[in-house]
């Protein structure tokens, strides 16, 4: 099990970008389904196109994860690469929502709590590197498997190993965990859907000297 690593630890990890290009996920693995989040669909064609891309090695690893699923099951990508401009808007929106809910919190507390779910734009957010994907699994009937929460819904039940979800949801999450881990990805433990390779979280968990992807 992977535990939450705060931003002040992540920013200490050096970045040595390897220059790898972004590629379209569908070009590398046509079996993977792309169903972009509503907030992405409203952000214009360029953002929509970006969200369907990841670094080349990441796309290859997604293809491997897809191959490890049972027959008839498919990975479903909600978001891949996310430009810093989109990340900045998302963080500020979530920060302001927390500020309204908790007017007694100071700016340090608000930033800490907001960053648990949306990375601040000044710490090299995982999605901006092209090394991170938000995803789930679709069953043979074409529907998403029940995972205990909606993809992108922030709550205690969103934690990957939450005990507050049904046995079926735990089983479905285990399927996702197994194929993504075997393919070389690292999970962000507060979000069952968030998986990465090559970014600072990946480097921290695996105790790498540096991450290999910077923001694009």
N, C-alpha and C. Protein backbone atom coordinates (compact mmCIF):
# COMPACT_ATOMS: atom_id res chain seq x y z
N UNK A 1 0.84 -1.20 0.00
CA UNK A 1 0.00 0.00 0.00
C UNK A 1 0.88 1.26 0.00
N UNK A 2 0.48 2.26 -0.79
CA UNK A 2 1.24 3.50 -0.90
C UNK A 2 0.56 4.58 -0.08
N UNK A 3 1.33 5.36 0.65
CA UNK A 3 0.76 6.39 1.50
C UNK A 3 0.97 7.78 0.90
N UNK A 4 0.15 8.71 1.35
CA UNK A 4 0.19 10.08 0.85
C UNK A 4 1.54 10.73 1.13
N UNK A 5 2.11 11.34 0.10
CA UNK A 5 3.38 12.04 0.21
C UNK A 5 3.11 13.52 -0.02
N UNK A 6 3.39 14.39 0.95
CA UNK A 6 3.08 15.82 0.82
C UNK A 6 3.94 16.53 -0.22
N UNK A 7 3.44 17.66 -0.69
CA UNK A 7 4.13 18.43 -1.73
C UNK A 7 5.53 18.86 -1.32
N UNK A 8 5.71 19.22 -0.03
CA UNK A 8 7.02 19.72 0.38
C UNK A 8 8.09 18.64 0.30
N UNK A 9 7.68 17.37 0.25
CA UNK A 9 8.63 16.28 0.03
C UNK A 9 8.83 16.05 -1.47
N UNK A 10 7.77 16.15 -2.22
CA UNK A 10 7.86 15.91 -3.66
C UNK A 10 8.74 16.94 -4.37
N UNK A 11 8.65 18.20 -3.95
CA UNK A 11 9.40 19.24 -4.66
C UNK A 11 10.91 19.11 -4.46
N UNK A 12 11.33 18.28 -3.53
CA UNK A 12 12.76 18.06 -3.32
C UNK A 12 13.35 17.12 -4.36
N UNK A 13 12.50 16.41 -5.07
CA UNK A 13 12.98 15.43 -6.05
C UNK A 13 13.36 16.13 -7.35
N UNK A 14 14.61 15.98 -7.80
CA UNK A 14 15.04 16.60 -9.05
C UNK A 14 14.28 16.04 -10.26
N UNK A 15 14.22 16.81 -11.31
CA UNK A 15 13.58 16.38 -12.55
C UNK A 15 14.61 16.43 -13.68
N UNK A 16 14.75 15.32 -14.39
CA UNK A 16 15.61 15.26 -15.57
C UNK A 16 14.76 14.72 -16.71
N UNK A 17 14.10 15.64 -17.40
CA UNK A 17 13.18 15.21 -18.45
C UNK A 17 13.93 14.48 -19.56
N UNK A 18 13.42 13.33 -19.96
CA UNK A 18 14.10 12.52 -20.97
C UNK A 18 13.73 12.88 -22.40
N UNK A 19 12.90 13.89 -22.56
CA UNK A 19 12.57 14.37 -23.90
C UNK A 19 11.58 13.53 -24.67
N UNK A 20 10.96 12.58 -24.00
CA UNK A 20 10.02 11.70 -24.67
C UNK A 20 8.80 12.48 -25.15
N UNK A 21 8.28 12.11 -26.30
CA UNK A 21 7.16 12.85 -26.89
C UNK A 21 5.82 12.36 -26.36
N UNK A 22 4.81 13.22 -26.55
CA UNK A 22 3.43 12.82 -26.27
C UNK A 22 2.89 12.07 -27.48
N UNK A 23 2.11 11.02 -27.22
CA UNK A 23 1.48 10.26 -28.31
C UNK A 23 0.01 10.06 -27.98
N UNK A 24 -0.78 9.82 -29.01
CA UNK A 24 -2.19 9.55 -28.80
C UNK A 24 -2.36 8.12 -28.26
N UNK A 25 -3.11 8.00 -27.20
CA UNK A 25 -3.31 6.69 -26.58
C UNK A 25 -3.91 5.70 -27.57
N UNK A 26 -4.89 6.14 -28.34
CA UNK A 26 -5.57 5.25 -29.29
C UNK A 26 -4.61 4.70 -30.35
N UNK A 27 -3.59 5.49 -30.71
CA UNK A 27 -2.65 5.04 -31.74
C UNK A 27 -1.82 3.86 -31.25
N UNK A 28 -1.55 3.83 -29.96
CA UNK A 28 -0.72 2.76 -29.39
C UNK A 28 -1.57 1.58 -28.95
N UNK A 29 -2.76 1.86 -28.43
CA UNK A 29 -3.64 0.79 -27.96
C UNK A 29 -5.09 1.10 -28.32
N UNK A 30 -5.55 0.67 -29.50
CA UNK A 30 -6.91 0.96 -29.95
C UNK A 30 -8.00 0.39 -29.06
N UNK A 31 -7.69 -0.62 -28.26
CA UNK A 31 -8.71 -1.23 -27.41
C UNK A 31 -9.13 -0.32 -26.26
N UNK A 32 -8.26 0.60 -25.87
CA UNK A 32 -8.58 1.47 -24.74
C UNK A 32 -9.65 2.48 -25.14
N UNK A 33 -10.61 2.68 -24.24
CA UNK A 33 -11.71 3.61 -24.48
C UNK A 33 -11.34 4.98 -23.92
N UNK A 34 -11.62 6.03 -24.69
CA UNK A 34 -11.39 7.40 -24.24
C UNK A 34 -12.74 8.06 -23.98
N UNK A 35 -13.01 8.37 -22.72
CA UNK A 35 -14.22 9.09 -22.35
C UNK A 35 -13.81 10.26 -21.47
N UNK A 36 -13.60 11.40 -22.07
CA UNK A 36 -13.07 12.55 -21.35
C UNK A 36 -14.06 13.12 -20.34
N UNK A 37 -13.49 13.69 -19.27
CA UNK A 37 -14.32 14.31 -18.25
C UNK A 37 -15.06 15.51 -18.79
N UNK A 38 -16.18 15.85 -18.17
CA UNK A 38 -17.01 16.97 -18.64
C UNK A 38 -16.24 18.28 -18.64
N UNK A 39 -15.40 18.50 -17.62
CA UNK A 39 -14.66 19.75 -17.55
C UNK A 39 -13.67 19.89 -18.70
N UNK A 40 -13.20 18.76 -19.22
CA UNK A 40 -12.27 18.78 -20.35
C UNK A 40 -13.03 19.08 -21.64
N UNK A 41 -14.18 18.46 -21.79
CA UNK A 41 -14.97 18.66 -23.00
C UNK A 41 -15.35 20.13 -23.19
N UNK A 42 -15.45 20.86 -22.08
CA UNK A 42 -15.86 22.27 -22.16
C UNK A 42 -14.67 23.21 -22.37
N UNK A 43 -13.46 22.65 -22.44
CA UNK A 43 -12.26 23.49 -22.44
C UNK A 43 -11.67 23.76 -23.82
N UNK A 44 -12.33 23.33 -24.90
CA UNK A 44 -11.83 23.60 -26.23
C UNK A 44 -11.12 22.41 -26.85
N UNK A 45 -11.00 22.44 -28.17
CA UNK A 45 -10.45 21.31 -28.92
C UNK A 45 -9.02 20.98 -28.51
N UNK A 46 -8.16 21.98 -28.33
CA UNK A 46 -6.76 21.74 -27.98
C UNK A 46 -6.65 20.98 -26.66
N UNK A 47 -7.43 21.37 -25.67
CA UNK A 47 -7.40 20.70 -24.38
C UNK A 47 -7.93 19.28 -24.51
N UNK A 48 -8.99 19.10 -25.30
CA UNK A 48 -9.55 17.76 -25.50
C UNK A 48 -8.52 16.85 -26.17
N UNK A 49 -7.83 17.38 -27.17
CA UNK A 49 -6.81 16.59 -27.85
C UNK A 49 -5.67 16.22 -26.89
N UNK A 50 -5.24 17.18 -26.09
CA UNK A 50 -4.16 16.93 -25.12
C UNK A 50 -4.54 15.83 -24.14
N UNK A 51 -5.78 15.84 -23.69
CA UNK A 51 -6.23 14.89 -22.67
C UNK A 51 -6.22 13.46 -23.16
N UNK A 52 -6.15 13.27 -24.47
CA UNK A 52 -6.10 11.93 -25.04
C UNK A 52 -4.68 11.47 -25.32
N UNK A 53 -3.69 12.23 -24.82
CA UNK A 53 -2.29 11.89 -25.06
C UNK A 53 -1.55 11.65 -23.74
N UNK A 54 -0.45 10.90 -23.85
CA UNK A 54 0.46 10.65 -22.73
C UNK A 54 1.85 10.48 -23.32
N UNK A 55 2.86 10.38 -22.48
CA UNK A 55 4.20 10.10 -22.97
C UNK A 55 4.24 8.71 -23.62
N UNK A 56 5.17 8.54 -24.52
CA UNK A 56 5.22 7.30 -25.32
C UNK A 56 5.34 6.05 -24.45
N UNK A 57 6.23 6.06 -23.47
CA UNK A 57 6.39 4.90 -22.60
C UNK A 57 5.12 4.63 -21.81
N UNK A 58 4.45 5.68 -21.38
CA UNK A 58 3.21 5.54 -20.63
C UNK A 58 2.14 4.86 -21.49
N UNK A 59 2.06 5.27 -22.75
CA UNK A 59 1.10 4.64 -23.67
C UNK A 59 1.40 3.15 -23.83
N UNK A 60 2.67 2.82 -23.93
CA UNK A 60 3.05 1.41 -24.06
C UNK A 60 2.68 0.62 -22.81
N UNK A 61 2.85 1.24 -21.65
CA UNK A 61 2.51 0.57 -20.40
C UNK A 61 0.99 0.44 -20.25
N UNK A 62 0.24 1.41 -20.74
CA UNK A 62 -1.21 1.28 -20.74
C UNK A 62 -1.65 0.12 -21.64
N UNK A 63 -0.97 -0.03 -22.75
CA UNK A 63 -1.27 -1.15 -23.65
C UNK A 63 -1.00 -2.48 -22.96
N UNK A 64 0.07 -2.54 -22.18
CA UNK A 64 0.38 -3.75 -21.42
C UNK A 64 -0.70 -4.01 -20.38
N UNK A 65 -1.12 -2.97 -19.65
CA UNK A 65 -2.17 -3.13 -18.64
C UNK A 65 -3.46 -3.62 -19.29
N UNK A 66 -3.79 -3.08 -20.45
CA UNK A 66 -4.99 -3.53 -21.18
C UNK A 66 -4.89 -5.02 -21.50
N UNK A 67 -3.73 -5.46 -21.91
CA UNK A 67 -3.55 -6.87 -22.28
C UNK A 67 -3.69 -7.81 -21.09
N UNK A 68 -3.54 -7.28 -19.87
CA UNK A 68 -3.62 -8.11 -18.67
C UNK A 68 -5.05 -8.25 -18.15
N UNK A 69 -5.97 -7.47 -18.69
CA UNK A 69 -7.37 -7.57 -18.27
C UNK A 69 -8.02 -8.83 -18.83
N UNK A 70 -9.05 -9.33 -18.15
CA UNK A 70 -9.78 -10.49 -18.69
C UNK A 70 -10.41 -10.15 -20.04
N UNK A 71 -10.70 -11.16 -20.81
CA UNK A 71 -11.32 -10.98 -22.12
C UNK A 71 -12.62 -10.18 -21.99
N UNK A 72 -12.77 -9.17 -22.83
CA UNK A 72 -13.99 -8.37 -22.85
C UNK A 72 -13.94 -7.13 -21.98
N UNK A 73 -12.90 -7.01 -21.15
CA UNK A 73 -12.75 -5.83 -20.28
C UNK A 73 -11.81 -4.82 -20.94
N UNK A 74 -12.08 -3.54 -20.72
CA UNK A 74 -11.27 -2.50 -21.36
C UNK A 74 -10.97 -1.37 -20.37
N UNK A 75 -9.77 -0.82 -20.48
CA UNK A 75 -9.45 0.38 -19.72
C UNK A 75 -10.22 1.56 -20.31
N UNK A 76 -10.65 2.47 -19.45
CA UNK A 76 -11.33 3.68 -19.89
C UNK A 76 -10.59 4.89 -19.34
N UNK A 77 -10.06 5.72 -20.23
CA UNK A 77 -9.29 6.90 -19.84
C UNK A 77 -10.20 8.12 -19.73
N UNK A 78 -10.14 8.79 -18.59
CA UNK A 78 -10.89 10.03 -18.41
C UNK A 78 -10.01 11.25 -18.71
N UNK A 79 -8.72 11.15 -18.40
CA UNK A 79 -7.81 12.27 -18.67
C UNK A 79 -6.37 11.79 -18.66
N UNK A 80 -5.61 12.22 -19.66
CA UNK A 80 -4.18 11.96 -19.71
C UNK A 80 -3.43 13.26 -19.43
N UNK A 81 -2.78 13.79 -20.46
CA UNK A 81 -2.04 15.04 -20.30
C UNK A 81 -3.00 16.20 -20.04
N UNK A 82 -2.62 17.05 -19.08
CA UNK A 82 -3.43 18.22 -18.72
C UNK A 82 -2.51 19.43 -18.65
N UNK A 83 -2.64 20.39 -19.55
CA UNK A 83 -1.78 21.58 -19.54
C UNK A 83 -1.85 22.34 -18.22
N UNK A 84 -0.80 23.07 -17.90
CA UNK A 84 -0.74 23.82 -16.65
C UNK A 84 -1.88 24.82 -16.52
N UNK A 85 -2.32 25.39 -17.63
CA UNK A 85 -3.41 26.37 -17.58
C UNK A 85 -4.69 25.75 -17.03
N UNK A 86 -4.98 24.52 -17.45
CA UNK A 86 -6.16 23.82 -16.97
C UNK A 86 -5.98 23.42 -15.50
N UNK A 87 -4.77 22.98 -15.17
CA UNK A 87 -4.46 22.60 -13.79
C UNK A 87 -4.64 23.79 -12.85
N UNK A 88 -4.18 24.96 -13.28
CA UNK A 88 -4.26 26.17 -12.47
C UNK A 88 -5.72 26.54 -12.18
N UNK A 89 -6.55 26.48 -13.21
CA UNK A 89 -7.97 26.80 -13.02
C UNK A 89 -8.63 25.81 -12.07
N UNK A 90 -8.31 24.53 -12.22
CA UNK A 90 -8.91 23.52 -11.36
C UNK A 90 -8.50 23.68 -9.91
N UNK A 91 -7.22 23.98 -9.68
CA UNK A 91 -6.75 24.15 -8.31
C UNK A 91 -7.39 25.37 -7.66
N UNK A 92 -7.44 26.47 -8.38
CA UNK A 92 -8.02 27.69 -7.83
C UNK A 92 -9.50 27.51 -7.51
N UNK A 93 -10.22 26.79 -8.36
CA UNK A 93 -11.65 26.54 -8.13
C UNK A 93 -11.85 25.71 -6.87
N UNK A 94 -11.05 24.64 -6.72
CA UNK A 94 -11.18 23.78 -5.55
C UNK A 94 -10.76 24.51 -4.28
N UNK A 95 -9.69 25.31 -4.37
CA UNK A 95 -9.21 26.12 -3.24
C UNK A 95 -10.31 27.07 -2.76
N UNK A 96 -10.97 27.73 -3.70
CA UNK A 96 -12.02 28.69 -3.33
C UNK A 96 -13.25 28.00 -2.75
N UNK A 97 -13.55 26.79 -3.23
CA UNK A 97 -14.66 26.03 -2.67
C UNK A 97 -14.38 25.68 -1.20
N UNK A 98 -13.15 25.26 -0.93
CA UNK A 98 -12.76 24.95 0.44
C UNK A 98 -12.80 26.19 1.32
N UNK A 99 -12.41 27.32 0.75
CA UNK A 99 -12.40 28.57 1.50
C UNK A 99 -13.80 28.97 1.95
N UNK A 100 -14.78 28.72 1.10
CA UNK A 100 -16.17 29.02 1.45
C UNK A 100 -16.68 28.07 2.53
N UNK A 101 -16.29 26.79 2.42
CA UNK A 101 -16.75 25.80 3.39
C UNK A 101 -16.07 25.95 4.75
N UNK A 102 -14.81 26.44 4.72
CA UNK A 102 -14.03 26.53 5.96
C UNK A 102 -13.42 27.93 6.09
N UNK A 103 -14.22 28.92 6.39
CA UNK A 103 -13.75 30.32 6.43
C UNK A 103 -12.69 30.59 7.50
N UNK A 104 -12.56 29.69 8.48
CA UNK A 104 -11.56 29.92 9.54
C UNK A 104 -10.18 29.37 9.17
N UNK A 105 -10.09 28.61 8.10
CA UNK A 105 -8.80 28.07 7.68
C UNK A 105 -7.93 29.18 7.11
N UNK A 106 -6.64 29.18 7.44
CA UNK A 106 -5.73 30.15 6.84
C UNK A 106 -5.25 29.63 5.48
N UNK A 107 -4.49 30.44 4.76
CA UNK A 107 -4.08 30.09 3.40
C UNK A 107 -3.21 28.83 3.36
N UNK A 108 -2.39 28.63 4.39
CA UNK A 108 -1.53 27.44 4.43
C UNK A 108 -2.37 26.18 4.56
N UNK A 109 -3.37 26.22 5.43
CA UNK A 109 -4.25 25.07 5.62
C UNK A 109 -5.06 24.81 4.36
N UNK A 110 -5.57 25.86 3.75
CA UNK A 110 -6.36 25.71 2.53
C UNK A 110 -5.53 25.08 1.41
N UNK A 111 -4.29 25.55 1.25
CA UNK A 111 -3.42 25.00 0.21
C UNK A 111 -3.13 23.53 0.47
N UNK A 112 -2.85 23.19 1.72
CA UNK A 112 -2.54 21.80 2.07
C UNK A 112 -3.70 20.88 1.74
N UNK A 113 -4.90 21.29 2.16
CA UNK A 113 -6.07 20.44 1.93
C UNK A 113 -6.43 20.36 0.45
N UNK A 114 -6.33 21.48 -0.25
CA UNK A 114 -6.65 21.47 -1.69
C UNK A 114 -5.66 20.60 -2.46
N UNK A 115 -4.40 20.66 -2.06
CA UNK A 115 -3.36 19.91 -2.78
C UNK A 115 -3.44 18.41 -2.57
N UNK A 116 -4.25 17.97 -1.61
CA UNK A 116 -4.44 16.54 -1.41
C UNK A 116 -5.20 15.93 -2.58
N UNK A 117 -5.96 16.77 -3.28
CA UNK A 117 -6.78 16.25 -4.38
C UNK A 117 -6.46 16.87 -5.73
N UNK A 118 -5.94 18.09 -5.75
CA UNK A 118 -5.54 18.72 -7.01
C UNK A 118 -4.17 19.36 -6.81
N UNK A 119 -3.19 18.91 -7.57
CA UNK A 119 -1.82 19.41 -7.38
C UNK A 119 -1.72 20.88 -7.76
N UNK A 120 -1.09 21.70 -6.92
CA UNK A 120 -0.87 23.12 -7.25
C UNK A 120 -0.01 23.24 -8.51
N UNK A 121 -0.25 24.25 -9.33
CA UNK A 121 0.50 24.38 -10.59
C UNK A 121 1.98 24.66 -10.41
N UNK A 122 2.40 25.07 -9.20
CA UNK A 122 3.81 25.42 -9.00
C UNK A 122 4.66 24.24 -8.51
N UNK A 123 4.09 23.04 -8.44
CA UNK A 123 4.87 21.89 -7.97
C UNK A 123 5.04 20.83 -9.06
N UNK A 124 4.85 21.21 -10.31
CA UNK A 124 4.88 20.29 -11.46
C UNK A 124 3.79 19.22 -11.28
N UNK A 125 2.54 19.58 -11.54
CA UNK A 125 1.43 18.65 -11.38
C UNK A 125 1.62 17.40 -12.23
N UNK A 126 1.27 16.23 -11.71
CA UNK A 126 1.48 14.98 -12.43
C UNK A 126 0.90 14.95 -13.84
N UNK A 127 -0.34 15.42 -13.99
CA UNK A 127 -0.96 15.36 -15.31
C UNK A 127 -0.24 16.24 -16.33
N UNK A 128 0.37 17.32 -15.90
CA UNK A 128 1.05 18.22 -16.84
C UNK A 128 2.30 17.60 -17.43
N UNK A 129 2.78 16.50 -16.83
CA UNK A 129 3.98 15.83 -17.34
C UNK A 129 3.69 14.86 -18.48
N UNK A 130 2.43 14.48 -18.62
CA UNK A 130 2.10 13.45 -19.60
C UNK A 130 2.38 12.05 -19.08
N UNK A 131 2.70 11.96 -17.80
CA UNK A 131 3.01 10.66 -17.21
C UNK A 131 1.89 10.07 -16.38
N UNK A 132 0.75 10.77 -16.32
CA UNK A 132 -0.32 10.38 -15.41
C UNK A 132 -1.65 10.23 -16.14
N UNK A 133 -2.44 9.27 -15.70
CA UNK A 133 -3.77 9.06 -16.28
C UNK A 133 -4.80 8.87 -15.17
N UNK A 134 -6.01 9.34 -15.43
CA UNK A 134 -7.17 9.02 -14.61
C UNK A 134 -7.96 7.99 -15.41
N UNK A 135 -8.25 6.86 -14.80
CA UNK A 135 -8.89 5.79 -15.57
C UNK A 135 -9.69 4.84 -14.72
N UNK A 136 -10.52 4.05 -15.39
CA UNK A 136 -11.31 3.02 -14.73
C UNK A 136 -11.35 1.81 -15.67
N UNK A 137 -12.26 0.88 -15.39
CA UNK A 137 -12.39 -0.33 -16.20
C UNK A 137 -13.83 -0.48 -16.66
N UNK A 138 -14.01 -0.84 -17.92
CA UNK A 138 -15.32 -1.12 -18.49
C UNK A 138 -15.47 -2.63 -18.64
N UNK A 139 -16.63 -3.15 -18.26
CA UNK A 139 -16.88 -4.57 -18.36
C UNK A 139 -17.38 -4.98 -19.73
N UNK A 140 -17.62 -6.26 -19.94
CA UNK A 140 -18.10 -6.76 -21.24
C UNK A 140 -19.42 -6.15 -21.70
N UNK A 141 -20.21 -5.63 -20.72
CA UNK A 141 -21.49 -5.01 -21.08
C UNK A 141 -21.35 -3.56 -21.50
N UNK A 142 -20.11 -3.05 -21.51
CA UNK A 142 -19.87 -1.67 -21.93
C UNK A 142 -20.02 -0.65 -20.84
N UNK A 143 -20.29 -1.09 -19.62
CA UNK A 143 -20.47 -0.17 -18.50
C UNK A 143 -19.24 -0.19 -17.59
N UNK A 144 -19.01 0.96 -16.94
CA UNK A 144 -17.92 1.01 -15.97
C UNK A 144 -18.21 0.07 -14.81
N UNK A 145 -17.16 -0.60 -14.34
CA UNK A 145 -17.32 -1.42 -13.16
C UNK A 145 -17.59 -0.54 -11.95
N UNK A 146 -18.33 -1.04 -11.00
CA UNK A 146 -18.62 -0.29 -9.78
C UNK A 146 -17.37 -0.24 -8.92
N UNK A 147 -16.90 0.98 -8.65
CA UNK A 147 -15.66 1.18 -7.90
C UNK A 147 -15.88 1.83 -6.53
N UNK A 148 -17.12 1.97 -6.14
CA UNK A 148 -17.40 2.56 -4.82
C UNK A 148 -17.67 4.04 -4.85
N UNK A 149 -17.06 4.76 -5.80
CA UNK A 149 -17.32 6.18 -6.02
C UNK A 149 -17.23 6.47 -7.51
N UNK A 150 -17.75 7.59 -7.92
CA UNK A 150 -17.55 8.03 -9.29
C UNK A 150 -16.09 8.42 -9.49
N UNK A 151 -15.58 8.23 -10.67
CA UNK A 151 -14.23 8.67 -11.00
C UNK A 151 -14.19 10.20 -10.90
N UNK A 152 -13.30 10.71 -10.06
CA UNK A 152 -13.19 12.15 -9.88
C UNK A 152 -14.01 12.70 -8.74
N UNK A 153 -14.71 11.83 -8.00
CA UNK A 153 -15.51 12.26 -6.86
C UNK A 153 -14.67 12.16 -5.60
N UNK A 154 -14.34 13.30 -4.99
CA UNK A 154 -13.44 13.33 -3.85
C UNK A 154 -14.18 13.10 -2.53
N UNK A 155 -13.81 12.03 -1.84
CA UNK A 155 -14.39 11.70 -0.54
C UNK A 155 -13.49 10.68 0.14
N UNK A 156 -13.82 10.30 1.35
CA UNK A 156 -13.04 9.27 2.05
C UNK A 156 -13.08 7.96 1.28
N UNK A 157 -14.21 7.68 0.62
CA UNK A 157 -14.35 6.45 -0.13
C UNK A 157 -13.49 6.43 -1.40
N UNK A 158 -12.99 7.61 -1.80
CA UNK A 158 -12.15 7.69 -3.00
C UNK A 158 -10.76 7.10 -2.76
N UNK A 159 -10.35 7.02 -1.49
CA UNK A 159 -9.05 6.44 -1.18
C UNK A 159 -8.99 5.02 -1.71
N UNK A 160 -7.91 4.68 -2.35
CA UNK A 160 -7.79 3.42 -3.08
C UNK A 160 -8.13 2.20 -2.23
N UNK A 161 -7.68 2.20 -0.98
CA UNK A 161 -7.91 1.05 -0.11
C UNK A 161 -8.96 1.34 0.96
N UNK A 162 -9.94 2.13 0.62
CA UNK A 162 -11.01 2.47 1.56
C UNK A 162 -11.74 1.21 2.02
N UNK A 163 -12.07 1.18 3.31
CA UNK A 163 -12.86 0.08 3.88
C UNK A 163 -14.35 0.38 3.84
N UNK A 164 -14.70 1.56 3.36
CA UNK A 164 -16.10 2.00 3.40
C UNK A 164 -16.85 1.74 2.10
N UNK A 165 -16.34 0.84 1.28
CA UNK A 165 -17.00 0.52 0.01
C UNK A 165 -17.40 -0.96 0.02
N UNK A 166 -18.23 -1.35 -0.91
CA UNK A 166 -18.74 -2.72 -0.95
C UNK A 166 -17.64 -3.72 -1.33
N UNK A 167 -17.90 -4.98 -1.05
CA UNK A 167 -16.95 -6.03 -1.40
C UNK A 167 -16.76 -6.11 -2.91
N UNK A 168 -17.84 -5.88 -3.66
CA UNK A 168 -17.73 -5.91 -5.12
C UNK A 168 -16.85 -4.77 -5.62
N UNK A 169 -17.00 -3.58 -5.03
CA UNK A 169 -16.17 -2.44 -5.42
C UNK A 169 -14.71 -2.71 -5.09
N UNK A 170 -14.46 -3.33 -3.94
CA UNK A 170 -13.08 -3.68 -3.58
C UNK A 170 -12.49 -4.67 -4.59
N UNK A 171 -13.29 -5.64 -5.00
CA UNK A 171 -12.85 -6.62 -5.99
C UNK A 171 -12.52 -5.94 -7.31
N UNK A 172 -13.37 -5.01 -7.72
CA UNK A 172 -13.15 -4.30 -8.98
C UNK A 172 -11.91 -3.41 -8.91
N UNK A 173 -11.72 -2.75 -7.78
CA UNK A 173 -10.52 -1.93 -7.61
C UNK A 173 -9.27 -2.82 -7.65
N UNK A 174 -9.37 -4.00 -7.06
CA UNK A 174 -8.23 -4.91 -7.05
C UNK A 174 -7.84 -5.30 -8.47
N UNK A 175 -8.81 -5.47 -9.34
CA UNK A 175 -8.51 -5.77 -10.75
C UNK A 175 -7.71 -4.64 -11.37
N UNK A 176 -8.17 -3.39 -11.15
CA UNK A 176 -7.46 -2.23 -11.68
C UNK A 176 -6.06 -2.12 -11.08
N UNK A 177 -5.96 -2.30 -9.77
CA UNK A 177 -4.67 -2.22 -9.08
C UNK A 177 -3.70 -3.26 -9.64
N UNK A 178 -4.17 -4.47 -9.84
CA UNK A 178 -3.30 -5.56 -10.30
C UNK A 178 -2.71 -5.27 -11.67
N UNK A 179 -3.56 -4.88 -12.63
CA UNK A 179 -3.05 -4.69 -13.99
C UNK A 179 -2.17 -3.45 -14.10
N UNK A 180 -2.53 -2.38 -13.37
CA UNK A 180 -1.74 -1.16 -13.45
C UNK A 180 -0.40 -1.32 -12.74
N UNK A 181 -0.39 -2.01 -11.61
CA UNK A 181 0.86 -2.24 -10.89
C UNK A 181 1.79 -3.13 -11.69
N UNK A 182 1.26 -4.19 -12.28
CA UNK A 182 2.08 -5.09 -13.10
C UNK A 182 2.65 -4.38 -14.32
N UNK A 183 1.95 -3.36 -14.80
CA UNK A 183 2.43 -2.60 -15.96
C UNK A 183 3.46 -1.54 -15.58
N UNK A 184 3.68 -1.33 -14.27
CA UNK A 184 4.72 -0.41 -13.82
C UNK A 184 4.25 0.93 -13.33
N UNK A 185 2.95 1.09 -13.11
CA UNK A 185 2.41 2.36 -12.64
C UNK A 185 2.37 2.43 -11.12
N UNK A 186 2.32 3.66 -10.61
CA UNK A 186 2.18 3.95 -9.19
C UNK A 186 0.85 4.66 -8.97
N UNK A 187 0.14 4.27 -7.93
CA UNK A 187 -1.15 4.89 -7.62
C UNK A 187 -1.00 6.03 -6.62
N UNK A 188 -1.81 7.07 -6.80
CA UNK A 188 -1.92 8.13 -5.80
C UNK A 188 -2.99 7.67 -4.82
N UNK A 189 -2.66 7.41 -3.56
CA UNK A 189 -3.52 6.66 -2.65
C UNK A 189 -4.83 7.30 -2.25
N UNK A 190 -5.02 8.59 -2.50
CA UNK A 190 -6.28 9.23 -2.16
C UNK A 190 -7.29 9.16 -3.32
N UNK A 191 -6.83 8.66 -4.48
CA UNK A 191 -7.68 8.59 -5.67
C UNK A 191 -7.46 7.25 -6.36
N UNK A 192 -8.42 6.36 -6.28
CA UNK A 192 -8.25 5.02 -6.86
C UNK A 192 -8.02 5.07 -8.37
N UNK A 193 -8.45 6.13 -9.02
CA UNK A 193 -8.38 6.24 -10.48
C UNK A 193 -7.07 6.84 -11.00
N UNK A 194 -6.22 7.37 -10.15
CA UNK A 194 -5.06 8.17 -10.54
C UNK A 194 -3.78 7.32 -10.52
N UNK A 195 -3.17 7.13 -11.69
CA UNK A 195 -1.98 6.29 -11.84
C UNK A 195 -0.92 7.01 -12.65
N UNK A 196 0.34 6.82 -12.28
CA UNK A 196 1.41 7.56 -12.96
C UNK A 196 2.68 6.75 -13.13
N UNK A 197 3.49 7.23 -14.06
CA UNK A 197 4.81 6.70 -14.31
C UNK A 197 5.72 7.86 -14.69
N UNK A 198 6.90 7.92 -14.10
CA UNK A 198 7.89 8.91 -14.51
C UNK A 198 7.82 10.26 -13.84
N UNK A 199 6.75 10.53 -13.07
CA UNK A 199 6.63 11.83 -12.42
C UNK A 199 7.25 11.80 -11.03
N UNK A 200 7.11 12.88 -10.28
CA UNK A 200 7.74 12.95 -8.96
C UNK A 200 7.14 11.95 -7.97
N UNK A 201 5.83 11.71 -8.06
CA UNK A 201 5.23 10.74 -7.12
C UNK A 201 5.79 9.35 -7.38
N UNK A 202 5.90 9.00 -8.63
CA UNK A 202 6.50 7.72 -9.04
C UNK A 202 7.92 7.61 -8.49
N UNK A 203 8.69 8.70 -8.65
CA UNK A 203 10.08 8.69 -8.18
C UNK A 203 10.14 8.56 -6.66
N UNK A 204 9.22 9.24 -5.95
CA UNK A 204 9.23 9.20 -4.49
C UNK A 204 8.90 7.81 -3.97
N UNK A 205 7.87 7.21 -4.53
CA UNK A 205 7.44 5.90 -4.06
C UNK A 205 8.50 4.82 -4.34
N UNK A 206 9.12 4.90 -5.51
CA UNK A 206 10.12 3.89 -5.89
C UNK A 206 11.54 4.28 -5.48
N UNK A 207 11.64 5.42 -4.80
CA UNK A 207 12.93 5.90 -4.29
C UNK A 207 13.96 6.09 -5.43
N UNK A 208 13.50 6.69 -6.51
CA UNK A 208 14.37 7.03 -7.63
C UNK A 208 15.13 8.32 -7.30
N UNK A 209 16.29 8.50 -7.91
CA UNK A 209 17.07 9.73 -7.68
C UNK A 209 16.40 10.95 -8.28
N UNK A 210 15.64 10.75 -9.34
CA UNK A 210 14.97 11.87 -10.00
C UNK A 210 13.79 11.35 -10.82
N UNK A 211 12.90 12.26 -11.14
CA UNK A 211 11.79 11.92 -12.05
C UNK A 211 12.25 12.18 -13.48
N UNK A 212 11.63 11.51 -14.43
CA UNK A 212 12.08 11.61 -15.82
C UNK A 212 11.16 12.44 -16.70
N UNK A 213 10.05 12.95 -16.11
CA UNK A 213 9.13 13.79 -16.87
C UNK A 213 8.90 15.12 -16.17
N UNK A 214 9.09 16.21 -16.90
CA UNK A 214 8.75 17.55 -16.44
C UNK A 214 7.44 17.97 -17.09
N UNK A 215 6.91 19.12 -16.73
CA UNK A 215 5.70 19.62 -17.38
C UNK A 215 5.95 19.88 -18.86
N UNK A 216 4.93 19.62 -19.65
CA UNK A 216 4.99 19.93 -21.08
C UNK A 216 4.02 21.06 -21.35
